[in-house]
PDB file of N, CA and C in Angstrom:
ATOM      1  N   MET A   1       0.813  -1.186   0.000  1.00  0.00           N
ATOM      2  CA  MET A   1       0.000   0.000   0.000  1.00  0.00           C
ATOM      3  C   MET A   1       0.862   1.257   0.000  1.00  0.00           C
ATOM      4  N   ASP A   2       2.064   1.146   0.559  1.00  0.00           N
ATOM      5  CA  ASP A   2       2.957   2.308   0.579  1.00  0.00           C
ATOM      6  C   ASP A   2       3.289   2.785  -0.837  1.00  0.00           C
ATOM      7  N   ALA A   3       3.544   1.835  -1.729  1.00  0.00           N
ATOM      8  CA  ALA A   3       3.885   2.216  -3.107  1.00  0.00           C
ATOM      9  C   ALA A   3       2.749   2.989  -3.753  1.00  0.00           C
ATOM     10  N   ALA A   4       1.524   2.567  -3.504  1.00  0.00           N
ATOM     11  CA  ALA A   4       0.369   3.259  -4.077  1.00  0.00           C
ATOM     12  C   ALA A   4       0.271   4.686  -3.534  1.00  0.00           C
ATOM     13  N   GLU A   5       0.563   4.863  -2.272  1.00  0.00           N
ATOM     14  CA  GLU A   5       0.508   6.207  -1.681  1.00  0.00           C
ATOM     15  C   GLU A   5       1.620   7.104  -2.213  1.00  0.00           C
ATOM     16  N   TYR A   6       2.810   6.549  -2.343  1.00  0.00           N
ATOM     17  CA  TYR A   6       3.911   7.336  -2.916  1.00  0.00           C
ATOM     18  C   TYR A   6       3.556   7.770  -4.333  1.00  0.00           C
ATOM     19  N   ALA A   7       2.994   6.857  -5.099  1.00  0.00           N
ATOM     20  CA  ALA A   7       2.603   7.181  -6.473  1.00  0.00           C
ATOM     21  C   ALA A   7       1.513   8.250  -6.484  1.00  0.00           C
ATOM     22  N   ARG A   8       0.560   8.143  -5.565  1.00  0.00           N
ATOM     23  CA  ARG A   8      -0.524   9.141  -5.502  1.00  0.00           C
ATOM     24  C   ARG A   8       0.042  10.536  -5.264  1.00  0.00           C
ATOM     25  N   HIS A   9       0.990  10.647  -4.368  1.00  0.00           N
ATOM     26  CA  HIS A   9       1.609  11.947  -4.086  1.00  0.00           C
ATOM     27  C   HIS A   9       2.381  12.466  -5.301  1.00  0.00           C
ATOM     28  N   ALA A  10       3.087  11.593  -5.961  1.00  0.00           N
ATOM     29  CA  ALA A  10       3.848  12.008  -7.148  1.00  0.00           C
ATOM     30  C   ALA A  10       2.904  12.426  -8.276  1.00  0.00           C
ATOM     31  N   LEU A  11       1.800  11.720  -8.448  1.00  0.00           N
ATOM     32  CA  LEU A  11       0.844  12.057  -9.504  1.00  0.00           C
ATOM     33  C   LEU A  11       0.268  13.454  -9.322  1.00  0.00           C
ATOM     34  N   ALA A  12       0.106  13.859  -8.092  1.00  0.00           N
ATOM     35  CA  ALA A  12      -0.457  15.181  -7.815  1.00  0.00           C
ATOM     36  C   ALA A  12       0.479  16.302  -8.280  1.00  0.00           C
ATOM     37  N   ARG A  13       1.745  15.973  -8.455  1.00  0.00           N
ATOM     38  CA  ARG A  13       2.727  16.996  -8.814  1.00  0.00           C
ATOM     39  C   ARG A  13       3.133  16.981 -10.285  1.00  0.00           C
ATOM     40  N   LEU A  14       2.730  15.936 -11.002  1.00  0.00           N
ATOM     41  CA  LEU A  14       3.173  15.796 -12.387  1.00  0.00           C
ATOM     42  C   LEU A  14       2.140  16.343 -13.370  1.00  0.00           C
ATOM     43  N   PRO A  15       2.607  17.009 -14.411  1.00  0.00           N
ATOM     44  CA  PRO A  15       1.692  17.430 -15.469  1.00  0.00           C
ATOM     45  C   PRO A  15       1.333  16.222 -16.343  1.00  0.00           C
ATOM     46  N   ALA A  16       0.310  16.369 -17.140  1.00  0.00           N
ATOM     47  CA  ALA A  16      -0.079  15.302 -18.061  1.00  0.00           C
ATOM     48  C   ALA A  16       1.097  14.946 -18.962  1.00  0.00           C
ATOM     49  N   SER A  17       1.407  13.652 -19.027  1.00  0.00           N
ATOM     50  CA  SER A  17       2.515  13.177 -19.852  1.00  0.00           C
ATOM     51  C   SER A  17       2.447  11.651 -19.909  1.00  0.00           C
ATOM     52  N   PRO A  18       3.165  11.055 -20.828  1.00  0.00           N
ATOM     53  CA  PRO A  18       3.218   9.590 -20.850  1.00  0.00           C
ATOM     54  C   PRO A  18       3.799   9.015 -19.553  1.00  0.00           C
ATOM     55  N   GLU A  19       4.739   9.719 -18.962  1.00  0.00           N
ATOM     56  CA  GLU A  19       5.326   9.253 -17.699  1.00  0.00           C
ATOM     57  C   GLU A  19       4.285   9.261 -16.579  1.00  0.00           C
ATOM     58  N   ARG A  20       3.446  10.285 -16.563  1.00  0.00           N
ATOM     59  CA  ARG A  20       2.389  10.362 -15.554  1.00  0.00           C
ATOM     60  C   ARG A  20       1.409   9.212 -15.744  1.00  0.00           C
ATOM     61  N   ASP A  21       1.058   8.903 -16.989  1.00  0.00           N
ATOM     62  CA  ASP A  21       0.161   7.785 -17.259  1.00  0.00           C
ATOM     63  C   ASP A  21       0.765   6.467 -16.785  1.00  0.00           C
ATOM     64  N   ALA A  22       2.048   6.282 -17.032  1.00  0.00           N
ATOM     65  CA  ALA A  22       2.724   5.063 -16.590  1.00  0.00           C
ATOM     66  C   ALA A  22       2.728   4.969 -15.070  1.00  0.00           C
ATOM     67  N   LEU A  23       2.925   6.092 -14.404  1.00  0.00           N
ATOM     68  CA  LEU A  23       2.898   6.101 -12.941  1.00  0.00           C
ATOM     69  C   LEU A  23       1.494   5.795 -12.421  1.00  0.00           C
ATOM     70  N   ALA A  24       0.473   6.282 -13.101  1.00  0.00           N
ATOM     71  CA  ALA A  24      -0.902   5.966 -12.707  1.00  0.00           C
ATOM     72  C   ALA A  24      -1.150   4.467 -12.825  1.00  0.00           C
ATOM     73  N   CYS A  25      -0.659   3.843 -13.885  1.00  0.00           N
ATOM     74  CA  CYS A  25      -0.793   2.391 -14.021  1.00  0.00           C
ATOM     75  C   CYS A  25      -0.069   1.675 -12.887  1.00  0.00           C
ATOM     76  N   LEU A  26       1.119   2.147 -12.567  1.00  0.00           N
ATOM     77  CA  LEU A  26       1.875   1.548 -11.469  1.00  0.00           C
ATOM     78  C   LEU A  26       1.093   1.659 -10.159  1.00  0.00           C
ATOM     79  N   ARG A  27       0.446   2.799  -9.944  1.00  0.00           N
ATOM     80  CA  ARG A  27      -0.360   2.975  -8.738  1.00  0.00           C
ATOM     81  C   ARG A  27      -1.520   1.976  -8.720  1.00  0.00           C
ATOM     82  N   GLY A  28      -2.193   1.825  -9.861  1.00  0.00           N
ATOM     83  CA  GLY A  28      -3.283   0.855  -9.936  1.00  0.00           C
ATOM     84  C   GLY A  28      -2.801  -0.557  -9.650  1.00  0.00           C
ATOM     85  N   GLU A  29      -1.665  -0.909 -10.201  1.00  0.00           N
ATOM     86  CA  GLU A  29      -1.101  -2.239  -9.968  1.00  0.00           C
ATOM     87  C   GLU A  29      -0.721  -2.430  -8.504  1.00  0.00           C
ATOM     88  N   ALA A  30      -0.193  -1.391  -7.884  1.00  0.00           N
ATOM     89  CA  ALA A  30       0.154  -1.471  -6.460  1.00  0.00           C
ATOM     90  C   ALA A  30      -1.096  -1.637  -5.605  1.00  0.00           C
ATOM     91  N   LEU A  31      -2.167  -0.953  -5.979  1.00  0.00           N
ATOM     92  CA  LEU A  31      -3.424  -1.114  -5.250  1.00  0.00           C
ATOM     93  C   LEU A  31      -3.969  -2.529  -5.392  1.00  0.00           C
ATOM     94  N   LEU A  32      -3.855  -3.099  -6.585  1.00  0.00           N
ATOM     95  CA  LEU A  32      -4.276  -4.488  -6.773  1.00  0.00           C
ATOM     96  C   LEU A  32      -3.464  -5.421  -5.880  1.00  0.00           C
ATOM     97  N   ALA A  33      -2.159  -5.214  -5.866  1.00  0.00           N
ATOM     98  CA  ALA A  33      -1.288  -6.053  -5.048  1.00  0.00           C
ATOM     99  C   ALA A  33      -1.589  -5.911  -3.565  1.00  0.00           C
ATOM    100  N   ALA A  34      -2.090  -4.748  -3.174  1.00  0.00           N
ATOM    101  CA  ALA A  34      -2.420  -4.495  -1.761  1.00  0.00           C
ATOM    102  C   ALA A  34      -3.836  -4.952  -1.416  1.00  0.00           C
ATOM    103  N   GLY A  35      -4.525  -5.567  -2.378  1.00  0.00           N
ATOM    104  CA  GLY A  35      -5.867  -6.064  -2.099  1.00  0.00           C
ATOM    105  C   GLY A  35      -6.936  -4.988  -2.129  1.00  0.00           C
ATOM    106  N   GLN A  36      -6.728  -3.958  -2.923  1.00  0.00           N
ATOM    107  CA  GLN A  36      -7.679  -2.850  -3.032  1.00  0.00           C
ATOM    108  C   GLN A  36      -8.210  -2.741  -4.476  1.00  0.00           C
ATOM    109  N   PRO A  37      -8.954  -3.744  -4.944  1.00  0.00           N
ATOM    110  CA  PRO A  37      -9.383  -3.725  -6.349  1.00  0.00           C
ATOM    111  C   PRO A  37     -10.337  -2.582  -6.685  1.00  0.00           C
ATOM    112  N   GLY A  38     -11.136  -2.144  -5.751  1.00  0.00           N
ATOM    113  CA  GLY A  38     -12.055  -1.037  -6.014  1.00  0.00           C
ATOM    114  C   GLY A  38     -11.315   0.252  -6.298  1.00  0.00           C
ATOM    115  N   GLN A  39     -10.312   0.539  -5.503  1.00  0.00           N
ATOM    116  CA  GLN A  39      -9.508   1.739  -5.725  1.00  0.00           C
ATOM    117  C   GLN A  39      -8.693   1.615  -7.005  1.00  0.00           C
ATOM    118  N   ALA A  40      -8.174   0.415  -7.274  1.00  0.00           N
ATOM    119  CA  ALA A  40      -7.417   0.189  -8.504  1.00  0.00           C
ATOM    120  C   ALA A  40      -8.312   0.417  -9.712  1.00  0.00           C
ATOM    121  N   ARG A  41      -9.533  -0.073  -9.640  1.00  0.00           N
ATOM    122  CA  ARG A  41     -10.485   0.110 -10.736  1.00  0.00           C
ATOM    123  C   ARG A  41     -10.688   1.594 -11.033  1.00  0.00           C
ATOM    124  N   GLU A  42     -10.813   2.392  -9.986  1.00  0.00           N
ATOM    125  CA  GLU A  42     -10.985   3.838 -10.164  1.00  0.00           C
ATOM    126  C   GLU A  42      -9.787   4.463 -10.875  1.00  0.00           C
ATOM    127  N   VAL A  43      -8.596   4.047 -10.506  1.00  0.00           N
ATOM    128  CA  VAL A  43      -7.376   4.588 -11.120  1.00  0.00           C
ATOM    129  C   VAL A  43      -7.328   4.231 -12.601  1.00  0.00           C
ATOM    130  N   PHE A  44      -7.543   2.957 -12.916  1.00  0.00           N
ATOM    131  CA  PHE A  44      -7.480   2.526 -14.313  1.00  0.00           C
ATOM    132  C   PHE A  44      -8.598   3.160 -15.141  1.00  0.00           C
ATOM    133  N   ALA A  45      -9.804   3.220 -14.595  1.00  0.00           N
ATOM    134  CA  ALA A  45     -10.924   3.815 -15.337  1.00  0.00           C
ATOM    135  C   ALA A  45     -10.683   5.298 -15.594  1.00  0.00           C
ATOM    136  N   SER A  46     -10.158   6.001 -14.619  1.00  0.00           N
ATOM    137  CA  SER A  46      -9.858   7.424 -14.783  1.00  0.00           C
ATOM    138  C   SER A  46      -8.798   7.637 -15.856  1.00  0.00           C
ATOM    139  N   LEU A  47      -7.780   6.820 -15.834  1.00  0.00           N
ATOM    140  CA  LEU A  47      -6.723   6.922 -16.834  1.00  0.00           C
ATOM    141  C   LEU A  47      -7.282   6.704 -18.236  1.00  0.00           C
ATOM    142  N   LEU A  48      -8.137   5.713 -18.388  1.00  0.00           N
ATOM    143  CA  LEU A  48      -8.718   5.436 -19.702  1.00  0.00           C
ATOM    144  C   LEU A  48      -9.687   6.526 -20.141  1.00  0.00           C
ATOM    145  N   ARG A  49     -10.408   7.118 -19.202  1.00  0.00           N
ATOM    146  CA  ARG A  49     -11.289   8.241 -19.551  1.00  0.00           C
ATOM    147  C   ARG A  49     -10.487   9.423 -20.071  1.00  0.00           C
ATOM    148  N   ASP A  50      -9.364   9.674 -19.437  1.00  0.00           N
ATOM    149  CA  ASP A  50      -8.539  10.825 -19.793  1.00  0.00           C
ATOM    150  C   ASP A  50      -7.691  10.603 -21.038  1.00  0.00           C
ATOM    151  N   ASN A  51      -7.324   9.354 -21.293  1.00  0.00           N
ATOM    152  CA  ASN A  51      -6.393   9.093 -22.387  1.00  0.00           C
ATOM    153  C   ASN A  51      -6.538   7.656 -22.880  1.00  0.00           C
ATOM    154  N   ALA A  52      -7.642   7.359 -23.530  1.00  0.00           N
ATOM    155  CA  ALA A  52      -7.944   5.997 -23.976  1.00  0.00           C
ATOM    156  C   ALA A  52      -7.022   5.494 -25.080  1.00  0.00           C
ATOM    157  N   ALA A  53      -6.297   6.379 -25.724  1.00  0.00           N
ATOM    158  CA  ALA A  53      -5.408   5.959 -26.807  1.00  0.00           C
ATOM    159  C   ALA A  53      -3.941   6.184 -26.458  1.00  0.00           C
ATOM    160  N   GLY A  54      -3.664   6.438 -25.201  1.00  0.00           N
ATOM    161  CA  GLY A  54      -2.293   6.737 -24.793  1.00  0.00           C
ATOM    162  C   GLY A  54      -1.382   5.524 -24.837  1.00  0.00           C
ATOM    163  N   SER A  55      -0.134   5.766 -24.521  1.00  0.00           N
ATOM    164  CA  SER A  55       0.886   4.728 -24.620  1.00  0.00           C
ATOM    165  C   SER A  55       0.695   3.586 -23.623  1.00  0.00           C
ATOM    166  N   VAL A  56      -0.036   3.813 -22.556  1.00  0.00           N
ATOM    167  CA  VAL A  56      -0.270   2.756 -21.562  1.00  0.00           C
ATOM    168  C   VAL A  56      -1.724   2.315 -21.530  1.00  0.00           C
ATOM    169  N   ALA A  57      -2.486   2.650 -22.557  1.00  0.00           N
ATOM    170  CA  ALA A  57      -3.914   2.329 -22.563  1.00  0.00           C
ATOM    171  C   ALA A  57      -4.163   0.828 -22.466  1.00  0.00           C
ATOM    172  N   GLU A  58      -3.403   0.028 -23.184  1.00  0.00           N
ATOM    173  CA  GLU A  58      -3.612  -1.422 -23.132  1.00  0.00           C
ATOM    174  C   GLU A  58      -3.280  -1.963 -21.745  1.00  0.00           C
ATOM    175  N   ARG A  59      -2.236  -1.462 -21.141  1.00  0.00           N
ATOM    176  CA  ARG A  59      -1.872  -1.844 -19.766  1.00  0.00           C
ATOM    177  C   ARG A  59      -2.997  -1.473 -18.802  1.00  0.00           C
ATOM    178  N   ALA A  60      -3.579  -0.289 -18.985  1.00  0.00           N
ATOM    179  CA  ALA A  60      -4.677   0.156 -18.132  1.00  0.00           C
ATOM    180  C   ALA A  60      -5.917  -0.708 -18.349  1.00  0.00           C
ATOM    181  N   ARG A  61      -6.193  -1.108 -19.590  1.00  0.00           N
ATOM    182  CA  ARG A  61      -7.345  -1.976 -19.861  1.00  0.00           C
ATOM    183  C   ARG A  61      -7.182  -3.332 -19.177  1.00  0.00           C
ATOM    184  N   ARG A  62      -5.982  -3.877 -19.255  1.00  0.00           N
ATOM    185  CA  ARG A  62      -5.720  -5.158 -18.576  1.00  0.00           C
ATOM    186  C   ARG A  62      -5.881  -5.001 -17.061  1.00  0.00           C
ATOM    187  N   GLY A  63      -5.343  -3.924 -16.517  1.00  0.00           N
ATOM    188  CA  GLY A  63      -5.475  -3.671 -15.085  1.00  0.00           C
ATOM    189  C   GLY A  63      -6.917  -3.503 -14.671  1.00  0.00           C
ATOM    190  N   LEU A  64      -7.681  -2.800 -15.499  1.00  0.00           N
ATOM    191  CA  LEU A  64      -9.098  -2.607 -15.198  1.00  0.00           C
ATOM    192  C   LEU A  64      -9.836  -3.945 -15.188  1.00  0.00           C
ATOM    193  N   ALA A  65      -9.545  -4.803 -16.139  1.00  0.00           N
ATOM    194  CA  ALA A  65     -10.183  -6.123 -16.194  1.00  0.00           C
ATOM    195  C   ALA A  65      -9.840  -6.943 -14.955  1.00  0.00           C
ATOM    196  N   VAL A  66      -8.594  -6.915 -14.541  1.00  0.00           N
ATOM    197  CA  VAL A  66      -8.176  -7.646 -13.345  1.00  0.00           C
ATOM    198  C   VAL A  66      -8.870  -7.073 -12.109  1.00  0.00           C
ATOM    199  N   ALA A  67      -8.909  -5.759 -12.010  1.00  0.00           N
ATOM    200  CA  ALA A  67      -9.541  -5.110 -10.858  1.00  0.00           C
ATOM    201  C   ALA A  67     -11.030  -5.446 -10.792  1.00  0.00           C
ATOM    202  N   GLU A  68     -11.703  -5.406 -11.937  1.00  0.00           N
ATOM    203  CA  GLU A  68     -13.132  -5.733 -11.931  1.00  0.00           C
ATOM    204  C   GLU A  68     -13.380  -7.179 -11.550  1.00  0.00           C
ATOM    205  N   ALA A  69     -12.541  -8.091 -12.031  1.00  0.00           N
ATOM    206  CA  ALA A  69     -12.688  -9.493 -11.666  1.00  0.00           C
ATOM    207  C   ALA A  69     -12.418  -9.711 -10.176  1.00  0.00           C
ATOM    208  N   ALA A  70     -11.434  -9.021  -9.652  1.00  0.00           N
ATOM    209  CA  ALA A  70     -11.085  -9.161  -8.237  1.00  0.00           C
ATOM    210  C   ALA A  70     -12.129  -8.561  -7.315  1.00  0.00           C
ATOM    211  N   ALA A  71     -12.852  -7.574  -7.817  1.00  0.00           N
ATOM    212  CA  ALA A  71     -13.855  -6.897  -6.987  1.00  0.00           C
ATOM    213  C   ALA A  71     -15.134  -7.720  -6.848  1.00  0.00           C
ATOM    214  N   ARG A  72     -15.292  -8.719  -7.654  1.00  0.00           N
ATOM    215  CA  ARG A  72     -16.511  -9.549  -7.589  1.00  0.00           C
ATOM    216  C   ARG A  72     -16.520 -10.493  -6.425  1.00  0.00           C
TER     217      ARG A  72
END
């Protein structure tokens, strides 16, 4: 959970960029690893809403699918 929090703080300071998108995916993955699929789902869904064709969109789609399955 610490990694997800560190990423959350860093995301608040970064402008929109491919690096920021990658960090958002990392945060979602950290939330999944910490057993927080609902929060991970929010991160991945937000990323896809903001940038559905970005460089990490496929990674975010996979993360979203995993988060939704885990939340059931």
